[in-house]
N, C-alpha and C. Protein backbone atom coordinates (compact mmCIF):
# COMPACT_ATOMS: atom_id res chain seq x y z
N MET A 1 0.84 -1.17 0.00
CA MET A 1 0.00 0.00 0.00
C MET A 1 0.89 1.24 0.00
N GLY A 2 0.43 2.29 -0.59
CA GLY A 2 1.22 3.49 -0.67
C GLY A 2 2.03 3.61 -1.95
N ASP A 3 2.08 2.53 -2.73
CA ASP A 3 2.81 2.60 -3.99
C ASP A 3 2.00 3.40 -4.99
N ILE A 4 2.68 4.20 -5.77
CA ILE A 4 2.04 5.03 -6.79
C ILE A 4 2.43 4.50 -8.15
N LEU A 5 1.46 4.29 -8.98
CA LEU A 5 1.70 3.80 -10.34
C LEU A 5 2.27 4.95 -11.17
N GLN A 6 3.38 4.71 -11.79
CA GLN A 6 4.04 5.69 -12.64
C GLN A 6 3.90 5.26 -14.10
N VAL A 7 4.07 6.20 -15.01
CA VAL A 7 4.01 5.91 -16.43
C VAL A 7 5.03 4.83 -16.78
N ALA A 8 6.19 4.90 -16.18
CA ALA A 8 7.25 3.92 -16.47
C ALA A 8 6.85 2.51 -16.06
N ASP A 9 5.87 2.38 -15.17
CA ASP A 9 5.41 1.06 -14.73
C ASP A 9 4.49 0.39 -15.76
N LEU A 10 4.01 1.16 -16.71
CA LEU A 10 3.08 0.63 -17.71
C LEU A 10 3.83 -0.12 -18.80
N PRO A 11 3.15 -1.05 -19.45
CA PRO A 11 3.78 -1.75 -20.58
C PRO A 11 4.13 -0.75 -21.69
N LEU A 12 5.13 -1.08 -22.48
CA LEU A 12 5.61 -0.20 -23.53
C LEU A 12 4.50 0.26 -24.47
N GLU A 13 3.59 -0.67 -24.88
CA GLU A 13 2.54 -0.28 -25.84
C GLU A 13 1.59 0.77 -25.27
N LEU A 14 1.48 0.85 -23.94
CA LEU A 14 0.64 1.89 -23.34
C LEU A 14 1.40 3.20 -23.14
N ARG A 15 2.72 3.11 -23.05
CA ARG A 15 3.53 4.31 -22.85
C ARG A 15 3.78 5.07 -24.15
N GLN A 16 3.72 4.38 -25.26
CA GLN A 16 3.98 5.04 -26.54
C GLN A 16 2.80 5.94 -26.90
N THR A 17 3.14 7.11 -27.35
CA THR A 17 2.08 8.04 -27.73
C THR A 17 1.69 7.80 -29.17
N ARG A 18 0.41 7.92 -29.41
CA ARG A 18 -0.12 7.77 -30.77
C ARG A 18 -0.96 9.00 -31.09
N PRO A 19 -0.99 9.39 -32.33
CA PRO A 19 -1.86 10.53 -32.66
C PRO A 19 -3.33 10.13 -32.45
N ALA A 20 -4.09 11.08 -32.04
CA ALA A 20 -5.52 10.83 -31.85
C ALA A 20 -6.15 10.50 -33.20
N PRO A 21 -7.10 9.60 -33.19
CA PRO A 21 -7.76 9.28 -34.47
C PRO A 21 -8.49 10.51 -35.00
N THR A 22 -8.46 10.65 -36.31
CA THR A 22 -9.16 11.79 -36.91
C THR A 22 -10.62 11.42 -37.09
N LEU A 23 -11.44 12.41 -36.87
CA LEU A 23 -12.88 12.20 -37.03
C LEU A 23 -13.28 12.47 -38.47
N PRO A 24 -14.23 11.72 -38.98
CA PRO A 24 -14.69 12.01 -40.35
C PRO A 24 -15.43 13.34 -40.37
N ALA A 25 -15.49 13.92 -41.52
CA ALA A 25 -16.23 15.18 -41.68
C ALA A 25 -17.68 14.95 -41.30
N PRO A 26 -18.31 15.96 -40.68
CA PRO A 26 -19.70 15.78 -40.29
C PRO A 26 -20.58 15.47 -41.50
N ALA A 27 -21.54 14.59 -41.31
CA ALA A 27 -22.43 14.22 -42.39
C ALA A 27 -23.42 15.34 -42.70
N VAL A 28 -23.62 16.23 -41.75
CA VAL A 28 -24.57 17.32 -41.92
C VAL A 28 -23.83 18.64 -41.75
N THR A 29 -24.05 19.56 -42.65
CA THR A 29 -23.40 20.87 -42.55
C THR A 29 -24.13 21.71 -41.50
N PRO A 30 -23.49 22.74 -40.98
CA PRO A 30 -24.16 23.62 -40.03
C PRO A 30 -25.44 24.24 -40.61
N ALA A 31 -25.41 24.59 -41.88
CA ALA A 31 -26.61 25.17 -42.52
C ALA A 31 -27.75 24.15 -42.56
N GLU A 32 -27.42 22.90 -42.85
CA GLU A 32 -28.45 21.85 -42.87
C GLU A 32 -28.99 21.61 -41.46
N ARG A 33 -28.10 21.65 -40.48
CA ARG A 33 -28.52 21.46 -39.09
C ARG A 33 -29.46 22.58 -38.65
N ARG A 34 -29.13 23.83 -39.02
CA ARG A 34 -29.97 24.98 -38.67
C ARG A 34 -31.33 24.88 -39.34
N LYS A 35 -31.33 24.45 -40.62
CA LYS A 35 -32.59 24.31 -41.35
C LYS A 35 -33.47 23.25 -40.69
N ALA A 36 -32.87 22.13 -40.29
CA ALA A 36 -33.63 21.07 -39.63
C ALA A 36 -34.19 21.56 -38.29
N ALA A 37 -33.39 22.34 -37.55
CA ALA A 37 -33.85 22.88 -36.27
C ALA A 37 -35.01 23.85 -36.49
N ASP A 38 -34.90 24.69 -37.51
CA ASP A 38 -35.99 25.63 -37.83
C ASP A 38 -37.27 24.88 -38.18
N GLU A 39 -37.14 23.84 -38.99
CA GLU A 39 -38.32 23.05 -39.37
C GLU A 39 -38.96 22.39 -38.16
N ALA A 40 -38.12 21.91 -37.23
CA ALA A 40 -38.64 21.27 -36.02
C ALA A 40 -39.35 22.29 -35.13
N GLU A 41 -38.78 23.49 -35.00
CA GLU A 41 -39.43 24.56 -34.23
C GLU A 41 -40.80 24.87 -34.81
N ARG A 42 -40.81 25.07 -36.11
CA ARG A 42 -42.05 25.43 -36.82
C ARG A 42 -43.11 24.35 -36.64
N ALA A 43 -42.72 23.11 -36.81
CA ALA A 43 -43.66 22.00 -36.66
C ALA A 43 -44.19 21.92 -35.23
N THR A 44 -43.31 22.18 -34.26
CA THR A 44 -43.73 22.17 -32.85
C THR A 44 -44.77 23.24 -32.58
N LEU A 45 -44.54 24.45 -33.11
CA LEU A 45 -45.49 25.54 -32.92
C LEU A 45 -46.85 25.22 -33.54
N ILE A 46 -46.82 24.78 -34.77
CA ILE A 46 -48.07 24.50 -35.48
C ILE A 46 -48.83 23.36 -34.81
N GLU A 47 -48.13 22.32 -34.40
CA GLU A 47 -48.79 21.18 -33.74
C GLU A 47 -49.36 21.59 -32.38
N ALA A 48 -48.62 22.40 -31.64
CA ALA A 48 -49.12 22.86 -30.33
C ALA A 48 -50.37 23.71 -30.51
N LEU A 49 -50.36 24.60 -31.48
CA LEU A 49 -51.55 25.44 -31.74
C LEU A 49 -52.72 24.59 -32.22
N ARG A 50 -52.44 23.59 -33.05
CA ARG A 50 -53.51 22.71 -33.53
C ARG A 50 -54.13 21.93 -32.37
N ARG A 51 -53.27 21.36 -31.52
CA ARG A 51 -53.76 20.57 -30.40
C ARG A 51 -54.51 21.43 -29.38
N ALA A 52 -54.15 22.72 -29.31
CA ALA A 52 -54.79 23.64 -28.36
C ALA A 52 -55.94 24.40 -29.01
N ASN A 53 -56.33 23.97 -30.21
CA ASN A 53 -57.41 24.65 -30.95
C ASN A 53 -57.17 26.15 -31.06
N GLY A 54 -55.91 26.53 -31.27
CA GLY A 54 -55.56 27.93 -31.47
C GLY A 54 -55.41 28.73 -30.19
N ASN A 55 -55.63 28.11 -29.03
CA ASN A 55 -55.49 28.81 -27.76
C ASN A 55 -54.00 28.95 -27.45
N ALA A 56 -53.50 30.20 -27.51
CA ALA A 56 -52.06 30.42 -27.36
C ALA A 56 -51.56 29.99 -25.99
N SER A 57 -52.29 30.28 -24.92
CA SER A 57 -51.84 29.90 -23.58
C SER A 57 -51.68 28.39 -23.46
N GLU A 58 -52.64 27.66 -23.99
CA GLU A 58 -52.56 26.20 -23.94
C GLU A 58 -51.44 25.69 -24.85
N ALA A 59 -51.28 26.31 -26.02
CA ALA A 59 -50.21 25.91 -26.94
C ALA A 59 -48.84 26.15 -26.31
N ILE A 60 -48.70 27.24 -25.58
CA ILE A 60 -47.44 27.53 -24.90
C ILE A 60 -47.15 26.44 -23.87
N ARG A 61 -48.16 26.07 -23.11
CA ARG A 61 -47.99 25.01 -22.11
C ARG A 61 -47.59 23.70 -22.78
N LEU A 62 -48.28 23.36 -23.87
CA LEU A 62 -48.00 22.11 -24.58
C LEU A 62 -46.60 22.10 -25.20
N SER A 63 -46.17 23.23 -25.71
CA SER A 63 -44.87 23.29 -26.40
C SER A 63 -43.69 23.26 -25.45
N GLY A 64 -43.90 23.74 -24.23
CA GLY A 64 -42.80 23.81 -23.27
C GLY A 64 -41.94 25.05 -23.41
N PHE A 65 -42.25 25.91 -24.38
CA PHE A 65 -41.52 27.16 -24.55
C PHE A 65 -42.03 28.19 -23.55
N SER A 66 -41.19 29.17 -23.21
CA SER A 66 -41.67 30.28 -22.40
C SER A 66 -42.60 31.12 -23.28
N ARG A 67 -43.44 31.92 -22.66
CA ARG A 67 -44.37 32.76 -23.42
C ARG A 67 -43.62 33.67 -24.38
N THR A 68 -42.58 34.33 -23.88
CA THR A 68 -41.79 35.25 -24.72
C THR A 68 -41.18 34.52 -25.90
N HIS A 69 -40.58 33.36 -25.64
CA HIS A 69 -39.93 32.60 -26.71
C HIS A 69 -40.96 32.09 -27.72
N PHE A 70 -42.11 31.66 -27.23
CA PHE A 70 -43.18 31.17 -28.11
C PHE A 70 -43.58 32.26 -29.10
N TYR A 71 -43.85 33.47 -28.61
CA TYR A 71 -44.27 34.55 -29.49
C TYR A 71 -43.12 34.99 -30.41
N ARG A 72 -41.89 34.93 -29.93
CA ARG A 72 -40.74 35.25 -30.78
C ARG A 72 -40.65 34.26 -31.94
N LEU A 73 -40.87 32.97 -31.64
CA LEU A 73 -40.82 31.95 -32.69
C LEU A 73 -41.99 32.10 -33.66
N LEU A 74 -43.17 32.48 -33.17
CA LEU A 74 -44.30 32.72 -34.08
C LEU A 74 -43.93 33.80 -35.10
N ARG A 75 -43.30 34.88 -34.62
CA ARG A 75 -42.88 35.95 -35.55
C ARG A 75 -41.80 35.45 -36.49
N LYS A 76 -40.82 34.74 -35.96
CA LYS A 76 -39.72 34.24 -36.77
C LYS A 76 -40.23 33.37 -37.92
N HIS A 77 -41.18 32.50 -37.62
CA HIS A 77 -41.69 31.56 -38.62
C HIS A 77 -42.94 32.08 -39.34
N ARG A 78 -43.29 33.33 -39.04
CA ARG A 78 -44.44 34.00 -39.68
C ARG A 78 -45.71 33.16 -39.58
N ILE A 79 -46.00 32.73 -38.37
CA ILE A 79 -47.21 31.95 -38.11
C ILE A 79 -48.22 32.88 -37.45
N ASN A 80 -49.37 32.98 -38.05
CA ASN A 80 -50.44 33.84 -37.53
C ASN A 80 -51.51 32.95 -36.91
N HIS A 81 -51.91 33.25 -35.70
CA HIS A 81 -52.96 32.47 -35.05
C HIS A 81 -54.08 33.37 -34.54
N SER A 82 -54.30 34.49 -35.22
CA SER A 82 -55.31 35.44 -34.77
C SER A 82 -56.72 34.90 -34.99
N PRO A 83 -57.67 35.28 -34.10
CA PRO A 83 -59.04 34.79 -34.23
C PRO A 83 -59.75 35.39 -35.44
N ILE A 84 -60.51 34.57 -36.13
CA ILE A 84 -61.32 34.99 -37.27
C ILE A 84 -62.74 34.47 -37.01
N ASP A 85 -63.72 35.35 -37.00
CA ASP A 85 -65.12 34.95 -36.80
C ASP A 85 -65.29 34.08 -35.55
N GLY A 86 -64.63 34.45 -34.46
CA GLY A 86 -64.78 33.69 -33.23
C GLY A 86 -64.03 32.37 -33.21
N GLN A 87 -63.41 32.01 -34.30
CA GLN A 87 -62.64 30.75 -34.38
C GLN A 87 -61.18 31.13 -34.50
N LYS A 88 -60.34 30.27 -34.00
CA LYS A 88 -58.90 30.50 -34.16
C LYS A 88 -58.46 29.89 -35.48
N ARG A 89 -57.66 30.62 -36.19
CA ARG A 89 -57.15 30.14 -37.46
C ARG A 89 -55.63 30.18 -37.40
N ILE A 90 -55.03 29.12 -37.82
CA ILE A 90 -53.57 29.05 -37.85
C ILE A 90 -53.15 29.08 -39.31
N GLU A 91 -52.38 30.09 -39.65
CA GLU A 91 -51.89 30.11 -41.02
C GLU A 91 -50.44 30.49 -41.02
N SER A 92 -49.78 30.05 -42.03
CA SER A 92 -48.36 30.25 -42.18
C SER A 92 -48.11 31.00 -43.46
N ARG A 93 -47.22 31.95 -43.41
CA ARG A 93 -46.91 32.72 -44.62
C ARG A 93 -45.59 32.32 -45.17
């Protein structure tokens, strides 16, 4: 007890340094990743509004976004959920 393992105590194959393996190029570009994230955000908003029958408070609860973020995303994705003839209408521009 009390012995400390030193690098010199290791077998030669573990002491030899090797270059780190190179990683392959990402299969998805940052632009493609951003586009996929935008599409997922948009789909989440539309589905939450659909499930909440256009009720923004309920859609916010269902989506898990904060109220501020939810409305920011509605503007970003140009989704209108304003009431028409007493009914909520969800449209995308």
